N, C-alpha and C. Protein backbone atom coordinates (compact mmCIF):
# COMPACT_ATOMS: atom_id res chain seq x y z
N MET A 1 12.64 13.63 -14.12
CA MET A 1 12.18 12.26 -14.29
C MET A 1 11.10 11.95 -13.27
N LEU A 2 10.54 10.78 -13.38
CA LEU A 2 9.40 10.37 -12.57
C LEU A 2 9.86 9.76 -11.25
N ASN A 3 9.53 10.44 -10.15
CA ASN A 3 9.86 9.97 -8.80
C ASN A 3 8.57 9.86 -7.99
N TYR A 4 8.35 8.72 -7.37
CA TYR A 4 7.16 8.52 -6.55
C TYR A 4 7.35 7.29 -5.66
N THR A 5 6.40 7.10 -4.77
CA THR A 5 6.41 5.96 -3.87
C THR A 5 5.07 5.26 -3.95
N ALA A 6 5.07 3.98 -4.29
CA ALA A 6 3.84 3.19 -4.33
C ALA A 6 3.72 2.44 -3.01
N ILE A 7 2.47 2.34 -2.51
CA ILE A 7 2.25 1.71 -1.22
C ILE A 7 1.01 0.83 -1.26
N ASP A 8 1.05 -0.23 -0.47
CA ASP A 8 -0.11 -1.11 -0.33
C ASP A 8 -0.17 -1.60 1.11
N PHE A 9 -1.38 -1.62 1.65
CA PHE A 9 -1.63 -2.17 2.98
C PHE A 9 -2.60 -3.33 2.89
N GLU A 10 -2.49 -4.25 3.84
CA GLU A 10 -3.53 -5.24 4.12
C GLU A 10 -3.96 -4.99 5.56
N THR A 11 -5.23 -5.26 5.84
CA THR A 11 -5.76 -5.05 7.19
C THR A 11 -6.25 -6.36 7.79
N ALA A 12 -6.19 -6.42 9.12
CA ALA A 12 -6.61 -7.62 9.85
C ALA A 12 -8.13 -7.68 10.02
N LYS A 13 -8.75 -6.51 10.09
CA LYS A 13 -10.20 -6.42 10.28
C LYS A 13 -10.74 -5.33 9.38
N ARG A 14 -12.03 -5.09 9.48
CA ARG A 14 -12.64 -4.01 8.70
C ARG A 14 -12.14 -2.65 9.15
N LYS A 15 -11.70 -2.54 10.39
CA LYS A 15 -11.20 -1.27 10.91
C LYS A 15 -9.95 -0.88 10.16
N ARG A 16 -9.93 0.35 9.68
CA ARG A 16 -8.78 0.82 8.91
C ARG A 16 -7.53 0.97 9.77
N SER A 17 -7.67 0.94 11.08
CA SER A 17 -6.51 1.04 11.97
C SER A 17 -5.87 -0.31 12.26
N SER A 18 -6.26 -1.34 11.50
CA SER A 18 -5.78 -2.69 11.78
C SER A 18 -4.77 -3.18 10.73
N ALA A 19 -3.88 -2.31 10.29
CA ALA A 19 -2.87 -2.71 9.30
C ALA A 19 -2.11 -3.94 9.79
N CYS A 20 -1.99 -4.95 8.91
CA CYS A 20 -1.25 -6.16 9.28
C CYS A 20 -0.09 -6.44 8.32
N ALA A 21 0.02 -5.63 7.26
CA ALA A 21 1.15 -5.76 6.33
C ALA A 21 1.24 -4.48 5.51
N VAL A 22 2.47 -4.13 5.14
CA VAL A 22 2.70 -2.96 4.29
C VAL A 22 3.78 -3.30 3.27
N GLY A 23 3.58 -2.80 2.05
CA GLY A 23 4.58 -2.89 0.99
C GLY A 23 4.82 -1.49 0.44
N ILE A 24 6.07 -1.13 0.28
CA ILE A 24 6.44 0.22 -0.19
C ILE A 24 7.49 0.08 -1.28
N VAL A 25 7.26 0.77 -2.39
CA VAL A 25 8.17 0.73 -3.53
C VAL A 25 8.59 2.16 -3.87
N THR A 26 9.88 2.40 -3.89
CA THR A 26 10.41 3.72 -4.23
C THR A 26 10.85 3.71 -5.68
N VAL A 27 10.31 4.66 -6.46
CA VAL A 27 10.66 4.79 -7.87
C VAL A 27 11.43 6.10 -8.04
N GLU A 28 12.63 6.00 -8.60
CA GLU A 28 13.46 7.17 -8.86
C GLU A 28 13.83 7.19 -10.34
N ASP A 29 13.59 8.32 -10.96
CA ASP A 29 13.88 8.48 -12.39
C ASP A 29 13.22 7.37 -13.22
N GLY A 30 11.99 6.99 -12.83
CA GLY A 30 11.23 6.01 -13.59
C GLY A 30 11.67 4.58 -13.42
N VAL A 31 12.50 4.30 -12.41
CA VAL A 31 13.01 2.94 -12.17
C VAL A 31 12.79 2.58 -10.71
N ILE A 32 12.37 1.35 -10.45
CA ILE A 32 12.24 0.91 -9.06
C ILE A 32 13.63 0.88 -8.43
N ALA A 33 13.80 1.73 -7.42
CA ALA A 33 15.10 1.89 -6.78
C ALA A 33 15.19 1.14 -5.47
N ASP A 34 14.04 0.90 -4.82
CA ASP A 34 14.07 0.27 -3.51
C ASP A 34 12.69 -0.30 -3.18
N THR A 35 12.69 -1.37 -2.40
CA THR A 35 11.43 -1.94 -1.93
C THR A 35 11.55 -2.25 -0.44
N PHE A 36 10.40 -2.24 0.21
CA PHE A 36 10.32 -2.57 1.63
C PHE A 36 8.97 -3.22 1.87
N HIS A 37 8.97 -4.26 2.69
CA HIS A 37 7.69 -4.83 3.12
C HIS A 37 7.86 -5.46 4.49
N SER A 38 6.77 -5.49 5.21
CA SER A 38 6.80 -6.08 6.54
C SER A 38 5.39 -6.49 6.96
N LEU A 39 5.34 -7.57 7.71
CA LEU A 39 4.12 -7.86 8.45
C LEU A 39 4.06 -6.87 9.59
N ILE A 40 2.86 -6.61 10.06
CA ILE A 40 2.63 -5.68 11.17
C ILE A 40 1.70 -6.37 12.16
N ARG A 41 2.06 -6.34 13.44
CA ARG A 41 1.15 -6.88 14.45
C ARG A 41 0.05 -5.85 14.69
N PRO A 42 -1.20 -6.17 14.29
CA PRO A 42 -2.28 -5.20 14.49
C PRO A 42 -2.66 -5.12 15.97
N PRO A 43 -3.40 -4.08 16.36
CA PRO A 43 -3.83 -3.96 17.75
C PRO A 43 -4.51 -5.25 18.24
N SER A 44 -4.08 -5.73 19.37
CA SER A 44 -4.58 -6.98 19.99
C SER A 44 -4.36 -8.21 19.12
N ASN A 45 -3.63 -8.06 18.01
CA ASN A 45 -3.40 -9.16 17.06
C ASN A 45 -4.71 -9.88 16.71
N ASP A 46 -5.76 -9.09 16.56
CA ASP A 46 -7.12 -9.59 16.33
C ASP A 46 -7.45 -9.53 14.84
N TYR A 47 -8.00 -10.62 14.29
CA TYR A 47 -8.30 -10.72 12.86
C TYR A 47 -9.76 -11.09 12.62
N PHE A 48 -10.26 -10.70 11.45
CA PHE A 48 -11.59 -11.06 10.99
C PHE A 48 -11.40 -12.11 9.89
N GLY A 49 -12.19 -13.16 9.94
CA GLY A 49 -12.04 -14.28 9.01
C GLY A 49 -12.08 -13.90 7.54
N MET A 50 -12.94 -12.95 7.18
CA MET A 50 -13.03 -12.56 5.76
C MET A 50 -11.74 -11.89 5.29
N ASN A 51 -11.08 -11.14 6.17
CA ASN A 51 -9.82 -10.52 5.79
C ASN A 51 -8.74 -11.58 5.59
N ILE A 52 -8.71 -12.56 6.49
CA ILE A 52 -7.76 -13.67 6.34
C ILE A 52 -7.98 -14.37 5.01
N ALA A 53 -9.24 -14.57 4.64
CA ALA A 53 -9.57 -15.24 3.37
C ALA A 53 -9.04 -14.46 2.17
N VAL A 54 -8.97 -13.15 2.28
CA VAL A 54 -8.48 -12.32 1.17
C VAL A 54 -6.97 -12.39 1.06
N HIS A 55 -6.26 -12.14 2.17
CA HIS A 55 -4.80 -12.01 2.08
C HIS A 55 -4.02 -13.18 2.64
N GLY A 56 -4.66 -14.06 3.38
CA GLY A 56 -3.97 -15.25 3.89
C GLY A 56 -3.05 -15.01 5.07
N ILE A 57 -3.12 -13.83 5.67
CA ILE A 57 -2.30 -13.54 6.85
C ILE A 57 -3.12 -13.90 8.08
N HIS A 58 -2.51 -14.68 8.99
CA HIS A 58 -3.19 -15.17 10.19
C HIS A 58 -2.55 -14.55 11.44
N PRO A 59 -3.28 -14.58 12.57
CA PRO A 59 -2.72 -14.04 13.81
C PRO A 59 -1.37 -14.66 14.17
N GLU A 60 -1.19 -15.94 13.91
CA GLU A 60 0.10 -16.57 14.25
C GLU A 60 1.24 -16.02 13.38
N ASP A 61 0.91 -15.46 12.22
CA ASP A 61 1.93 -14.87 11.36
C ASP A 61 2.46 -13.55 11.91
N THR A 62 1.63 -12.86 12.70
CA THR A 62 2.00 -11.52 13.16
C THR A 62 2.21 -11.41 14.67
N ILE A 63 2.08 -12.51 15.39
CA ILE A 63 2.21 -12.45 16.85
C ILE A 63 3.57 -11.89 17.27
N ALA A 64 4.62 -12.19 16.53
CA ALA A 64 5.96 -11.69 16.87
C ALA A 64 6.40 -10.55 15.95
N ALA A 65 5.49 -10.09 15.08
CA ALA A 65 5.83 -9.01 14.15
C ALA A 65 5.89 -7.68 14.88
N PRO A 66 6.61 -6.71 14.32
CA PRO A 66 6.64 -5.38 14.95
C PRO A 66 5.27 -4.71 14.81
N THR A 67 4.97 -3.82 15.74
CA THR A 67 3.76 -3.01 15.62
C THR A 67 4.02 -1.91 14.60
N PHE A 68 2.95 -1.23 14.18
CA PHE A 68 3.12 -0.10 13.28
C PHE A 68 4.01 0.95 13.93
N GLN A 69 3.82 1.17 15.22
CA GLN A 69 4.63 2.16 15.93
C GLN A 69 6.12 1.80 15.86
N ASP A 70 6.42 0.50 16.00
CA ASP A 70 7.81 0.04 15.89
C ASP A 70 8.38 0.32 14.49
N LEU A 71 7.55 0.12 13.47
CA LEU A 71 7.98 0.29 12.07
C LEU A 71 7.94 1.73 11.60
N TYR A 72 7.28 2.59 12.35
CA TYR A 72 7.03 3.95 11.87
C TYR A 72 8.28 4.71 11.44
N PRO A 73 9.39 4.66 12.17
CA PRO A 73 10.57 5.40 11.68
C PRO A 73 11.00 4.97 10.26
N GLU A 74 10.94 3.69 9.98
CA GLU A 74 11.28 3.17 8.65
C GLU A 74 10.25 3.63 7.62
N ILE A 75 8.98 3.52 7.97
CA ILE A 75 7.90 3.93 7.06
C ILE A 75 7.98 5.44 6.80
N ARG A 76 8.15 6.23 7.85
CA ARG A 76 8.25 7.68 7.70
C ARG A 76 9.40 8.05 6.76
N ALA A 77 10.55 7.42 6.93
CA ALA A 77 11.71 7.73 6.08
C ALA A 77 11.42 7.45 4.61
N ARG A 78 10.60 6.46 4.33
CA ARG A 78 10.29 6.09 2.95
C ARG A 78 9.17 6.93 2.34
N LEU A 79 8.29 7.48 3.19
CA LEU A 79 7.13 8.20 2.68
C LEU A 79 7.25 9.71 2.72
N GLN A 80 8.02 10.23 3.65
CA GLN A 80 8.03 11.66 3.92
C GLN A 80 8.29 12.49 2.66
N ASP A 81 7.39 13.43 2.42
CA ASP A 81 7.47 14.38 1.30
C ASP A 81 7.47 13.71 -0.08
N SER A 82 6.93 12.51 -0.17
CA SER A 82 6.88 11.79 -1.44
C SER A 82 5.56 12.03 -2.16
N THR A 83 5.57 11.79 -3.45
CA THR A 83 4.32 11.64 -4.20
C THR A 83 3.91 10.20 -3.99
N LEU A 84 2.78 9.99 -3.32
CA LEU A 84 2.34 8.62 -3.03
C LEU A 84 1.34 8.15 -4.07
N VAL A 85 1.46 6.88 -4.42
CA VAL A 85 0.60 6.23 -5.39
C VAL A 85 0.07 4.95 -4.75
N ALA A 86 -1.22 4.70 -4.90
CA ALA A 86 -1.82 3.44 -4.45
C ALA A 86 -2.88 3.06 -5.47
N HIS A 87 -3.22 1.79 -5.52
CA HIS A 87 -4.24 1.40 -6.49
C HIS A 87 -5.63 1.87 -6.05
N ASN A 88 -5.92 1.76 -4.79
CA ASN A 88 -7.16 2.30 -4.23
C ASN A 88 -6.73 3.28 -3.16
N GLU A 89 -6.35 4.47 -3.57
CA GLU A 89 -5.73 5.41 -2.65
C GLU A 89 -6.63 5.77 -1.49
N VAL A 90 -7.93 5.79 -1.67
CA VAL A 90 -8.83 6.11 -0.57
C VAL A 90 -8.66 5.09 0.56
N PHE A 91 -8.57 3.81 0.21
CA PHE A 91 -8.37 2.76 1.21
C PHE A 91 -7.00 2.88 1.86
N ASP A 92 -5.95 2.89 1.06
CA ASP A 92 -4.60 2.88 1.63
C ASP A 92 -4.29 4.15 2.41
N ARG A 93 -4.77 5.29 1.93
CA ARG A 93 -4.55 6.55 2.65
C ARG A 93 -5.28 6.51 3.99
N SER A 94 -6.50 5.96 4.01
CA SER A 94 -7.23 5.90 5.28
C SER A 94 -6.60 4.88 6.23
N VAL A 95 -6.03 3.80 5.72
CA VAL A 95 -5.33 2.85 6.61
C VAL A 95 -4.13 3.54 7.25
N LEU A 96 -3.36 4.27 6.46
CA LEU A 96 -2.21 4.98 7.03
C LEU A 96 -2.67 6.00 8.07
N ARG A 97 -3.66 6.81 7.74
CA ARG A 97 -4.15 7.84 8.67
C ARG A 97 -4.69 7.22 9.96
N ARG A 98 -5.56 6.24 9.82
CA ARG A 98 -6.23 5.65 11.00
C ARG A 98 -5.23 4.87 11.87
N THR A 99 -4.29 4.20 11.24
CA THR A 99 -3.29 3.47 12.02
C THR A 99 -2.39 4.46 12.76
N MET A 100 -2.02 5.53 12.10
CA MET A 100 -1.22 6.56 12.78
C MET A 100 -2.00 7.19 13.93
N GLU A 101 -3.27 7.46 13.72
CA GLU A 101 -4.10 8.01 14.80
C GLU A 101 -4.15 7.05 15.98
N HIS A 102 -4.28 5.76 15.70
CA HIS A 102 -4.33 4.75 16.77
C HIS A 102 -3.10 4.85 17.67
N TYR A 103 -1.95 5.14 17.08
CA TYR A 103 -0.70 5.22 17.83
C TYR A 103 -0.32 6.66 18.18
N SER A 104 -1.25 7.59 18.01
CA SER A 104 -1.03 9.02 18.32
C SER A 104 0.18 9.59 17.56
N LEU A 105 0.32 9.19 16.31
CA LEU A 105 1.38 9.70 15.44
C LEU A 105 0.80 10.79 14.56
N ASP A 106 1.60 11.79 14.23
CA ASP A 106 1.16 12.96 13.48
C ASP A 106 1.26 12.73 11.97
N TYR A 107 0.13 12.49 11.33
CA TYR A 107 0.11 12.28 9.88
C TYR A 107 0.65 13.50 9.14
N GLY A 108 0.38 14.68 9.66
CA GLY A 108 0.82 15.92 9.02
C GLY A 108 2.32 16.01 8.83
N GLU A 109 3.09 15.37 9.72
CA GLU A 109 4.55 15.46 9.61
C GLU A 109 5.09 14.74 8.37
N LEU A 110 4.27 13.91 7.74
CA LEU A 110 4.72 13.20 6.55
C LEU A 110 4.79 14.10 5.32
N GLY A 111 4.07 15.22 5.34
CA GLY A 111 4.12 16.16 4.23
C GLY A 111 3.55 15.61 2.93
N LEU A 112 2.47 14.83 3.03
CA LEU A 112 1.87 14.20 1.85
C LEU A 112 0.72 15.03 1.31
N ALA A 113 0.42 14.85 0.04
CA ALA A 113 -0.72 15.52 -0.58
C ALA A 113 -2.01 15.05 0.08
N GLU A 114 -3.03 15.90 0.03
CA GLU A 114 -4.33 15.55 0.60
C GLU A 114 -4.90 14.30 -0.08
N ARG A 115 -4.79 14.24 -1.41
CA ARG A 115 -5.17 13.03 -2.16
C ARG A 115 -3.92 12.52 -2.85
N TRP A 116 -3.76 11.21 -2.82
CA TRP A 116 -2.62 10.59 -3.48
C TRP A 116 -2.98 10.30 -4.93
N GLU A 117 -1.99 9.91 -5.71
CA GLU A 117 -2.24 9.41 -7.05
C GLU A 117 -2.91 8.04 -6.92
N CYS A 118 -3.85 7.75 -7.81
CA CYS A 118 -4.63 6.51 -7.69
C CYS A 118 -4.68 5.80 -9.03
N THR A 119 -4.00 4.66 -9.12
CA THR A 119 -3.98 3.92 -10.39
C THR A 119 -5.36 3.33 -10.69
N MET A 120 -6.17 3.06 -9.70
CA MET A 120 -7.52 2.57 -9.97
C MET A 120 -8.32 3.65 -10.71
N ARG A 121 -8.27 4.88 -10.23
CA ARG A 121 -8.96 5.99 -10.89
C ARG A 121 -8.41 6.21 -12.31
N ILE A 122 -7.09 6.14 -12.44
CA ILE A 122 -6.45 6.36 -13.74
C ILE A 122 -6.93 5.33 -14.75
N TYR A 123 -6.88 4.05 -14.37
CA TYR A 123 -7.22 3.00 -15.33
C TYR A 123 -8.72 2.88 -15.54
N LYS A 124 -9.52 3.25 -14.57
CA LYS A 124 -10.97 3.32 -14.77
C LYS A 124 -11.27 4.39 -15.82
N ALA A 125 -10.60 5.55 -15.70
CA ALA A 125 -10.79 6.63 -16.67
C ALA A 125 -10.31 6.23 -18.07
N LYS A 126 -9.37 5.31 -18.16
CA LYS A 126 -8.88 4.83 -19.45
C LYS A 126 -9.85 3.81 -20.07
N GLY A 127 -10.90 3.43 -19.30
CA GLY A 127 -11.89 2.49 -19.81
C GLY A 127 -11.63 1.04 -19.45
N PHE A 128 -10.69 0.78 -18.55
CA PHE A 128 -10.43 -0.60 -18.14
C PHE A 128 -11.63 -1.12 -17.35
N VAL A 129 -12.12 -2.29 -17.74
CA VAL A 129 -13.19 -2.98 -17.02
C VAL A 129 -12.83 -4.44 -16.99
N PRO A 130 -12.70 -5.05 -15.83
CA PRO A 130 -12.71 -4.41 -14.52
C PRO A 130 -11.42 -3.61 -14.31
N TYR A 131 -11.41 -2.78 -13.29
CA TYR A 131 -10.26 -1.93 -13.02
C TYR A 131 -9.59 -2.27 -11.69
N LYS A 132 -9.84 -3.47 -11.19
CA LYS A 132 -9.13 -3.95 -10.00
C LYS A 132 -7.66 -4.11 -10.33
N LEU A 133 -6.82 -4.10 -9.32
CA LEU A 133 -5.37 -4.19 -9.52
C LEU A 133 -5.00 -5.44 -10.31
N ASN A 134 -5.53 -6.58 -9.92
CA ASN A 134 -5.15 -7.82 -10.61
C ASN A 134 -5.59 -7.81 -12.07
N ALA A 135 -6.75 -7.23 -12.37
CA ALA A 135 -7.23 -7.18 -13.75
C ALA A 135 -6.38 -6.23 -14.59
N CYS A 136 -6.05 -5.07 -14.05
CA CYS A 136 -5.22 -4.11 -14.78
C CYS A 136 -3.84 -4.70 -15.06
N CYS A 137 -3.26 -5.32 -14.04
CA CYS A 137 -1.93 -5.92 -14.22
C CYS A 137 -1.97 -7.05 -15.24
N ALA A 138 -3.00 -7.90 -15.17
CA ALA A 138 -3.12 -9.00 -16.13
C ALA A 138 -3.24 -8.47 -17.55
N ARG A 139 -4.05 -7.44 -17.74
CA ARG A 139 -4.27 -6.87 -19.07
C ARG A 139 -2.98 -6.30 -19.64
N LEU A 140 -2.11 -5.77 -18.79
CA LEU A 140 -0.87 -5.16 -19.25
C LEU A 140 0.34 -6.08 -19.13
N GLY A 141 0.12 -7.33 -18.71
CA GLY A 141 1.21 -8.29 -18.61
C GLY A 141 2.17 -8.03 -17.47
N ILE A 142 1.67 -7.41 -16.41
CA ILE A 142 2.50 -7.13 -15.23
C ILE A 142 2.32 -8.28 -14.25
N PRO A 143 3.39 -8.99 -13.87
CA PRO A 143 3.26 -10.10 -12.93
C PRO A 143 2.73 -9.61 -11.58
N LEU A 144 1.88 -10.43 -10.95
CA LEU A 144 1.27 -10.03 -9.69
C LEU A 144 0.86 -11.23 -8.88
N GLN A 145 1.18 -11.21 -7.59
CA GLN A 145 0.61 -12.15 -6.61
C GLN A 145 -0.35 -11.30 -5.79
N HIS A 146 -1.62 -11.28 -6.23
CA HIS A 146 -2.60 -10.36 -5.66
C HIS A 146 -2.78 -10.56 -4.16
N HIS A 147 -2.84 -9.45 -3.44
CA HIS A 147 -3.00 -9.36 -1.98
C HIS A 147 -1.74 -9.76 -1.22
N GLU A 148 -0.60 -9.85 -1.92
CA GLU A 148 0.69 -9.93 -1.25
C GLU A 148 1.24 -8.52 -1.37
N VAL A 149 1.45 -7.85 -0.21
CA VAL A 149 1.67 -6.40 -0.21
C VAL A 149 2.81 -5.91 -1.10
N LEU A 150 3.93 -6.57 -1.10
CA LEU A 150 5.02 -6.08 -1.93
C LEU A 150 4.69 -6.27 -3.41
N SER A 151 4.13 -7.39 -3.77
CA SER A 151 3.73 -7.61 -5.15
C SER A 151 2.69 -6.58 -5.59
N ASP A 152 1.71 -6.30 -4.73
CA ASP A 152 0.69 -5.30 -5.06
C ASP A 152 1.31 -3.91 -5.22
N ALA A 153 2.25 -3.55 -4.34
CA ALA A 153 2.90 -2.24 -4.44
C ALA A 153 3.75 -2.16 -5.72
N ILE A 154 4.43 -3.24 -6.06
CA ILE A 154 5.22 -3.26 -7.30
C ILE A 154 4.30 -3.18 -8.51
N GLY A 155 3.19 -3.92 -8.48
CA GLY A 155 2.22 -3.85 -9.57
C GLY A 155 1.69 -2.44 -9.76
N CYS A 156 1.34 -1.79 -8.65
CA CYS A 156 0.86 -0.42 -8.69
C CYS A 156 1.93 0.51 -9.25
N ALA A 157 3.17 0.33 -8.82
CA ALA A 157 4.27 1.16 -9.31
C ALA A 157 4.41 1.02 -10.83
N HIS A 158 4.29 -0.20 -11.34
CA HIS A 158 4.38 -0.42 -12.78
C HIS A 158 3.20 0.19 -13.52
N LEU A 159 2.00 0.08 -12.95
CA LEU A 159 0.83 0.69 -13.58
C LEU A 159 1.00 2.20 -13.73
N TYR A 160 1.52 2.83 -12.67
CA TYR A 160 1.70 4.28 -12.70
C TYR A 160 2.78 4.66 -13.71
N LEU A 161 3.83 3.87 -13.75
CA LEU A 161 4.90 4.12 -14.72
C LEU A 161 4.38 3.97 -16.15
N ARG A 162 3.58 2.93 -16.40
CA ARG A 162 3.03 2.73 -17.74
C ARG A 162 2.13 3.90 -18.14
N HIS A 163 1.38 4.43 -17.17
CA HIS A 163 0.50 5.57 -17.45
C HIS A 163 1.32 6.78 -17.91
N HIS A 164 2.52 6.91 -17.41
CA HIS A 164 3.36 8.07 -17.74
C HIS A 164 4.35 7.79 -18.87
N SER A 165 4.32 6.57 -19.40
CA SER A 165 5.23 6.23 -20.51
C SER A 165 4.55 6.57 -21.84
N PRO A 166 5.34 7.00 -22.80
CA PRO A 166 4.74 7.36 -24.12
C PRO A 166 4.17 6.15 -24.84
């Protein structure tokens, strides 16, 4: 059966090492089996206004949030040796890599593929225009609160499942 983990990050700034939220969805045998999400206090709790405008997360929301390093044992347990899926895998993979580098954590220990599965690439290849997460979900009737990490990860998980459904 279909087993994978969908993930979504939001960042505080343009720097990919500035993760401020993560959503993770575990799919087992083609069914969502578990979800996890958390705000993350980015380095120096510093934000760029345009990022805030996209996701609505402010410095006051993350001042008392755990750092990525604090959350890493939980994140590692959910990701290790998984097939990872993201809507824009290049972005989310680089956020994970750069944030781990910032905290001197070993990305290699996660045992992930060099490239993850990417629902944006999949649906672009299917001819979806536009192929943004919110547009793909709307076209397929998948509920979504865009740029809310858990909702985005769930939306991505459903897109990947639909791609593999007959």
